[in-house]
Protein backbone atom coordinates (compact mmCIF):
# COMPACT_ATOMS: atom_id res chain seq x y z
CA MET A 1 8.78 -1.74 6.43
CA SER A 2 9.64 1.55 7.28
CA LEU A 3 7.91 4.49 8.40
CA HIS A 4 8.67 8.12 6.59
CA VAL A 5 8.23 10.54 8.77
CA LYS A 6 7.70 14.72 7.57
CA ALA A 7 7.85 17.96 10.04
CA ALA A 8 4.61 17.81 10.62
CA ASP A 9 4.39 14.01 11.65
CA PHE A 10 7.14 13.55 14.46
CA GLU A 11 6.06 14.25 17.29
CA LYS A 12 2.66 11.87 17.04
CA GLU A 13 4.55 9.68 15.21
CA VAL A 14 8.11 9.81 17.49
CA LEU A 15 8.10 12.20 20.61
CA LYS A 16 4.41 10.89 21.32
CA ALA A 17 4.84 6.79 21.02
CA ASP A 18 5.21 4.74 23.43
CA ILE A 19 7.64 2.02 22.53
CA PRO A 20 10.19 3.01 21.95
CA VAL A 21 11.31 4.97 17.70
CA LEU A 22 14.84 4.33 15.34
CA VAL A 23 14.66 7.08 13.48
CA ASP A 24 16.60 7.06 10.08
CA PHE A 25 18.00 10.39 8.72
CA TRP A 26 19.04 9.59 5.36
CA ALA A 27 19.08 11.04 2.03
CA GLU A 28 18.06 9.65 -1.83
CA TRP A 29 22.03 10.09 -2.48
CA CYS A 30 23.92 8.74 0.79
CA MET A 31 25.37 5.45 -0.92
CA PRO A 32 25.55 4.12 3.24
CA CYS A 33 21.75 5.45 3.80
CA ARG A 34 20.91 2.53 0.89
CA MET A 35 22.80 0.19 2.61
CA VAL A 36 21.77 0.42 6.36
CA SER A 37 17.44 0.41 4.57
CA PRO A 38 17.15 -2.59 4.48
CA ILE A 39 18.64 -4.13 7.77
CA LEU A 40 16.34 -0.93 8.80
CA ASP A 41 13.09 -2.55 7.25
CA GLU A 42 13.89 -6.11 8.68
CA LEU A 43 14.65 -4.94 12.43
CA ALA A 44 10.96 -2.69 12.20
CA GLU A 45 9.83 -5.91 10.57
CA GLU A 46 10.86 -8.39 13.67
CA TYR A 47 10.95 -6.15 16.33
CA ALA A 48 6.53 -4.83 15.29
CA GLY A 49 4.50 -3.96 18.17
CA LYS A 50 8.13 -3.21 20.06
CA LEU A 51 9.89 -1.41 18.03
CA LYS A 52 9.22 1.40 15.51
CA VAL A 53 10.99 2.08 12.57
CA VAL A 54 10.98 6.04 10.50
CA LYS A 55 12.87 7.69 8.04
CA VAL A 56 13.32 11.25 8.12
CA ASN A 57 14.71 12.43 4.72
CA VAL A 58 17.37 15.36 6.08
CA ASP A 59 16.80 16.76 2.38
CA GLU A 60 13.41 17.04 2.52
CA GLU A 61 12.96 17.84 6.25
CA PRO A 62 15.90 20.40 6.91
CA ASP A 63 14.57 21.86 9.75
CA LEU A 64 14.36 18.87 11.63
CA ALA A 65 17.31 16.85 10.66
CA SER A 66 18.71 20.57 12.40
CA ARG A 67 16.83 19.84 15.71
CA PHE A 68 18.41 17.14 15.77
CA GLY A 69 22.43 17.93 14.89
CA ILE A 70 22.23 15.45 12.39
CA VAL A 71 25.65 16.19 10.31
CA SER A 72 26.33 12.89 8.95
CA ILE A 73 24.22 10.67 7.97
CA PRO A 74 22.79 7.97 7.82
CA THR A 75 21.90 8.93 11.54
CA ILE A 76 20.69 6.69 13.10
CA LEU A 77 18.76 7.87 16.47
CA LEU A 78 16.40 5.67 19.23
CA PHE A 79 13.47 7.40 21.05
CA LYS A 80 12.43 6.36 24.37
CA ASN A 81 9.72 8.13 25.75
CA GLY A 82 10.78 11.40 23.57
CA GLN A 83 13.57 11.69 24.20
CA VAL A 84 17.48 10.55 22.40
CA ALA A 85 18.60 7.30 24.26
CA ALA A 86 20.42 6.13 22.07
CA GLN A 87 22.74 7.24 18.54
CA GLN A 88 24.08 5.50 15.76
CA ILE A 89 26.45 7.27 13.13
CA GLY A 90 27.47 5.32 9.98
CA ALA A 91 25.71 2.02 8.35
CA ALA A 92 26.27 -0.36 10.83
CA PRO A 93 25.88 -4.33 10.87
CA ARG A 94 22.54 -5.26 12.16
CA GLN A 95 23.55 -6.28 15.52
CA VAL A 96 25.28 -3.31 16.45
CA PHE A 97 22.04 -2.37 15.92
CA GLU A 98 19.86 -4.07 17.53
CA GLN A 99 22.74 -3.93 20.72
CA MET A 100 21.82 -0.18 20.64
CA ILE A 101 17.88 -1.02 21.17
CA GLN A 102 18.19 -4.81 22.68
CA PRO A 103 18.39 -2.16 26.27
CA HIS A 104 14.82 -0.13 25.45
CA LEU A 105 13.18 -2.55 24.30
CA GLY A 106 9.36 -3.61 27.02
């Protein structure tokens, strides 16, 4: 299951994580976000220990969304060593997310 992250926890949970972190910037009202959510939950389970998956609600955390230039949701950013290593804007099939994360797994 994905972890919901607030601005206060972002540095610890994402930027200082010792494994790559997939961050889903989403909102309750966003239908494409709802389509992507079960895919990301599956990836979180399948890659447990190698990849962390977290969610940031852009309605609750507008400063965080703005900090990373989020203008369209869902936007999924892959962080590695505190830096954005890859991104996917919009809903996509599971294969797209797997291709996005594979090169960054230990």
